N, C-alpha and C. Protein backbone atom coordinates (compact mmCIF):
# COMPACT_ATOMS: atom_id res chain seq x y z
N UNK A 1 42.25 -111.11 -77.21
CA UNK A 1 41.72 -110.10 -76.83
C UNK A 1 40.15 -109.60 -77.57
N UNK A 2 39.13 -109.60 -77.50
CA UNK A 2 38.45 -108.88 -78.24
C UNK A 2 38.02 -107.57 -78.02
N UNK A 3 37.06 -106.99 -78.87
CA UNK A 3 36.88 -105.23 -78.52
C UNK A 3 36.26 -105.64 -77.07
N UNK A 4 35.57 -105.94 -76.84
CA UNK A 4 34.72 -106.06 -75.62
C UNK A 4 35.52 -105.85 -74.22
N UNK A 5 36.23 -107.00 -74.43
CA UNK A 5 37.46 -107.19 -73.49
C UNK A 5 38.33 -105.91 -73.11
N UNK A 6 38.98 -105.53 -74.28
CA UNK A 6 39.67 -104.50 -74.44
C UNK A 6 38.83 -103.26 -73.89
N UNK A 7 37.81 -103.41 -74.42
CA UNK A 7 36.82 -101.80 -73.79
C UNK A 7 36.72 -101.69 -72.25
N UNK A 8 36.79 -102.96 -71.82
CA UNK A 8 36.44 -102.89 -70.31
C UNK A 8 37.80 -102.66 -69.53
N UNK A 9 38.64 -103.23 -70.22
CA UNK A 9 40.25 -103.01 -69.51
C UNK A 9 40.70 -101.64 -69.54
N UNK A 10 40.40 -100.96 -71.08
CA UNK A 10 40.75 -99.85 -70.99
C UNK A 10 39.60 -98.59 -70.84
N UNK A 11 38.86 -99.15 -69.94
CA UNK A 11 37.69 -98.23 -69.52
C UNK A 11 37.08 -97.18 -70.57
N UNK A 12 36.87 -98.17 -71.80
CA UNK A 12 36.14 -97.41 -72.83
C UNK A 12 35.01 -97.87 -73.27
N UNK A 13 34.47 -97.75 -74.49
CA UNK A 13 33.37 -98.35 -74.70
C UNK A 13 33.35 -99.54 -76.04
N UNK A 14 32.61 -100.30 -76.43
CA UNK A 14 32.85 -101.22 -77.51
C UNK A 14 32.97 -100.16 -78.73
N UNK A 15 31.89 -99.14 -78.49
CA UNK A 15 31.96 -98.51 -79.97
C UNK A 15 33.09 -97.84 -80.20
N UNK A 16 33.83 -97.05 -79.00
CA UNK A 16 35.07 -96.47 -79.11
C UNK A 16 36.03 -97.40 -79.69
N UNK A 17 36.26 -98.39 -79.07
CA UNK A 17 37.06 -99.35 -79.58
C UNK A 17 37.14 -99.60 -80.97
N UNK A 18 35.64 -100.21 -81.29
CA UNK A 18 35.39 -100.10 -82.76
C UNK A 18 35.82 -99.29 -83.86
N UNK A 19 35.37 -97.65 -83.16
CA UNK A 19 35.72 -96.81 -84.13
C UNK A 19 37.37 -96.36 -84.47
N UNK A 20 38.09 -96.60 -83.29
CA UNK A 20 39.50 -96.46 -83.56
C UNK A 20 39.93 -97.51 -84.27
N UNK A 21 39.62 -98.80 -83.81
CA UNK A 21 40.15 -99.85 -84.66
C UNK A 21 39.96 -99.57 -86.16
N UNK A 22 38.70 -99.23 -86.37
CA UNK A 22 38.48 -99.02 -88.11
C UNK A 22 38.89 -97.87 -88.75
N UNK A 23 39.44 -96.68 -88.07
CA UNK A 23 39.81 -95.59 -88.30
C UNK A 23 38.49 -94.45 -88.45
N UNK A 24 37.80 -95.19 -87.92
CA UNK A 24 36.62 -94.08 -87.91
C UNK A 24 36.86 -92.74 -86.70
N UNK A 25 37.55 -93.09 -85.54
CA UNK A 25 37.89 -92.06 -84.66
C UNK A 25 39.25 -92.35 -84.31
N UNK A 26 39.64 -91.12 -83.74
CA UNK A 26 40.96 -91.15 -83.39
C UNK A 26 41.11 -90.98 -81.77
N UNK A 27 42.10 -92.00 -81.08
CA UNK A 27 41.91 -92.05 -79.33
C UNK A 27 42.83 -90.46 -79.16
N UNK A 28 42.42 -90.10 -77.92
CA UNK A 28 43.25 -89.13 -77.07
C UNK A 28 44.38 -89.88 -76.52
N UNK A 29 45.23 -89.01 -75.97
CA UNK A 29 46.49 -89.51 -75.62
C UNK A 29 46.01 -90.47 -74.42
N UNK A 30 44.99 -89.92 -73.58
CA UNK A 30 44.94 -90.74 -72.25
C UNK A 30 44.32 -92.41 -72.82
N UNK A 31 43.37 -92.38 -73.88
CA UNK A 31 42.98 -93.36 -74.66
C UNK A 31 44.03 -94.27 -75.02
N UNK A 32 45.17 -93.58 -75.53
CA UNK A 32 46.32 -94.68 -76.19
C UNK A 32 46.84 -94.84 -74.78
N UNK A 33 46.88 -94.53 -73.89
CA UNK A 33 47.72 -94.87 -72.58
C UNK A 33 46.85 -96.20 -71.96
N UNK A 34 45.72 -95.98 -71.87
CA UNK A 34 44.97 -96.80 -71.17
C UNK A 34 45.01 -98.27 -72.32
N UNK A 35 44.53 -97.92 -73.64
CA UNK A 35 44.47 -99.19 -74.42
C UNK A 35 46.05 -99.87 -74.41
N UNK A 36 47.05 -99.41 -74.17
CA UNK A 36 48.36 -99.85 -74.23
C UNK A 36 48.46 -100.67 -72.95
N UNK A 37 48.15 -99.92 -72.04
CA UNK A 37 48.33 -100.82 -70.85
C UNK A 37 46.95 -101.79 -70.46
N UNK A 38 45.96 -102.07 -71.21
CA UNK A 38 45.22 -102.84 -71.23
C UNK A 38 45.85 -104.28 -71.74
N UNK A 39 46.72 -103.65 -73.28
CA UNK A 39 47.40 -104.74 -74.33
C UNK A 39 48.36 -104.86 -73.49
N UNK A 40 49.11 -104.59 -72.42
CA UNK A 40 50.48 -104.83 -71.78
C UNK A 40 51.36 -104.64 -72.88
N UNK A 41 51.47 -103.90 -73.80
CA UNK A 41 52.48 -103.09 -74.58
C UNK A 41 52.84 -101.55 -74.03
N UNK A 42 53.92 -101.06 -75.00
CA UNK A 42 54.66 -99.76 -74.78
C UNK A 42 53.55 -99.15 -75.76
N UNK A 43 53.00 -97.80 -75.36
CA UNK A 43 52.43 -97.03 -76.27
C UNK A 43 53.16 -96.90 -77.70
N UNK A 44 54.22 -96.98 -78.04
CA UNK A 44 54.66 -96.83 -79.18
C UNK A 44 54.27 -98.13 -80.05
N UNK A 45 54.26 -99.35 -79.49
CA UNK A 45 53.48 -100.26 -80.08
C UNK A 45 52.52 -100.31 -80.85
N UNK A 46 51.59 -99.33 -80.44
CA UNK A 46 50.02 -99.09 -81.00
C UNK A 46 50.44 -98.26 -82.39
N UNK A 47 51.49 -97.64 -82.66
CA UNK A 47 51.75 -96.99 -84.04
C UNK A 47 52.98 -97.33 -84.74
N UNK A 48 53.51 -98.53 -84.16
CA UNK A 48 54.69 -99.27 -84.98
C UNK A 48 53.98 -100.70 -85.49
N UNK A 49 53.78 -100.82 -86.70
CA UNK A 49 53.09 -102.22 -87.13
C UNK A 49 54.18 -103.18 -86.74
N UNK A 50 53.50 -104.29 -86.13
CA UNK A 50 54.17 -105.55 -85.55
C UNK A 50 55.51 -105.18 -84.80
N UNK A 51 55.56 -104.01 -83.89
CA UNK A 51 56.91 -103.85 -82.92
C UNK A 51 57.05 -104.81 -82.29
N UNK A 52 56.15 -105.13 -81.42
CA UNK A 52 56.08 -106.30 -80.55
C UNK A 52 56.36 -107.65 -81.35
N UNK A 53 55.83 -107.81 -82.52
CA UNK A 53 56.18 -109.45 -82.83
C UNK A 53 57.67 -109.07 -83.13
N UNK A 54 58.35 -108.03 -83.74
CA UNK A 54 59.43 -108.09 -84.09
C UNK A 54 60.56 -108.42 -82.95
N UNK A 55 60.08 -107.58 -81.83
CA UNK A 55 60.66 -107.95 -80.39
C UNK A 55 61.03 -109.23 -80.09
N UNK A 56 59.56 -110.00 -80.22
CA UNK A 56 59.85 -111.29 -79.70
C UNK A 56 60.09 -112.18 -80.67
N UNK A 57 60.20 -111.79 -81.95
CA UNK A 57 60.59 -112.70 -82.95
C UNK A 57 62.31 -112.62 -82.63
N UNK A 58 63.14 -111.58 -82.48
CA UNK A 58 64.33 -111.37 -82.22
C UNK A 58 64.63 -112.34 -81.00
N UNK A 59 63.88 -112.03 -79.92
CA UNK A 59 64.47 -112.60 -78.59
C UNK A 59 64.26 -114.29 -78.94
N UNK A 60 63.49 -114.88 -79.47
CA UNK A 60 63.00 -116.20 -79.81
C UNK A 60 64.35 -116.57 -80.73
N UNK A 61 64.89 -115.95 -81.70
CA UNK A 61 65.76 -116.29 -82.62
C UNK A 61 67.08 -116.21 -81.57
N UNK A 62 67.40 -115.18 -80.66
CA UNK A 62 68.55 -115.59 -79.75
C UNK A 62 68.51 -116.61 -78.87
N UNK A 63 67.12 -117.05 -78.50
CA UNK A 63 67.30 -118.00 -77.72
C UNK A 63 67.44 -119.31 -78.14
N UNK A 64 66.74 -119.37 -79.50
CA UNK A 64 66.82 -120.90 -80.14
C UNK A 64 67.94 -120.83 -81.27
N UNK A 65 68.74 -120.15 -81.66
CA UNK A 65 69.54 -120.05 -82.49
C UNK A 65 71.06 -119.82 -81.90
N UNK A 66 71.21 -118.53 -81.09
CA UNK A 66 72.40 -118.16 -81.04
C UNK A 66 72.84 -118.71 -79.39
N UNK A 67 71.92 -118.87 -78.68
CA UNK A 67 72.56 -119.33 -77.25
C UNK A 67 72.78 -120.68 -77.43
N UNK A 68 72.55 -121.76 -77.98
CA UNK A 68 72.90 -123.11 -77.98
C UNK A 68 74.44 -122.87 -78.55
N UNK A 69 74.61 -121.95 -79.90
CA UNK A 69 76.24 -121.82 -80.05
C UNK A 69 77.04 -120.87 -79.24
N UNK A 70 76.55 -120.12 -78.67
CA UNK A 70 77.23 -119.78 -77.64
C UNK A 70 77.75 -120.87 -76.70
N UNK A 71 76.82 -121.48 -75.90
CA UNK A 71 77.15 -122.16 -74.98
C UNK A 71 78.10 -123.31 -75.65
N UNK A 72 77.93 -123.82 -76.66
CA UNK A 72 78.70 -124.81 -77.55
C UNK A 72 80.55 -124.45 -77.56
N UNK A 73 80.30 -123.08 -78.08
CA UNK A 73 81.49 -122.41 -78.01
C UNK A 73 82.06 -122.28 -76.78
N UNK A 74 81.63 -121.96 -75.73
CA UNK A 74 81.98 -121.81 -74.24
C UNK A 74 82.56 -123.14 -73.87
N UNK A 75 81.78 -124.20 -74.06
CA UNK A 75 82.29 -125.46 -73.69
C UNK A 75 83.60 -125.91 -74.56
N UNK A 76 83.54 -125.49 -75.57
CA UNK A 76 84.73 -126.11 -76.39
C UNK A 76 86.01 -125.13 -76.30
N UNK A 77 86.00 -123.93 -75.86
CA UNK A 77 86.96 -122.93 -75.65
C UNK A 77 87.39 -122.89 -74.43
N UNK A 78 86.41 -122.94 -73.57
CA UNK A 78 86.82 -122.51 -72.16
C UNK A 78 87.08 -124.20 -71.32
């Protein structure tokens, strides 16, 4: 999503989004909520670097590595 799309979704301006992204402006609490909703993330994810990525990586690891091992164990043991 680019800045213009985010601005539209968050009911903000391109300038405000650009200023927030560059650190020249600090968003209000309401803007944080709107931006998080537009990005479909939890507001805390905006403050934790790569929080969503880490969660997604963990989920993918569980799906691709552990689930096949669990299924294999179940088939062998049960």
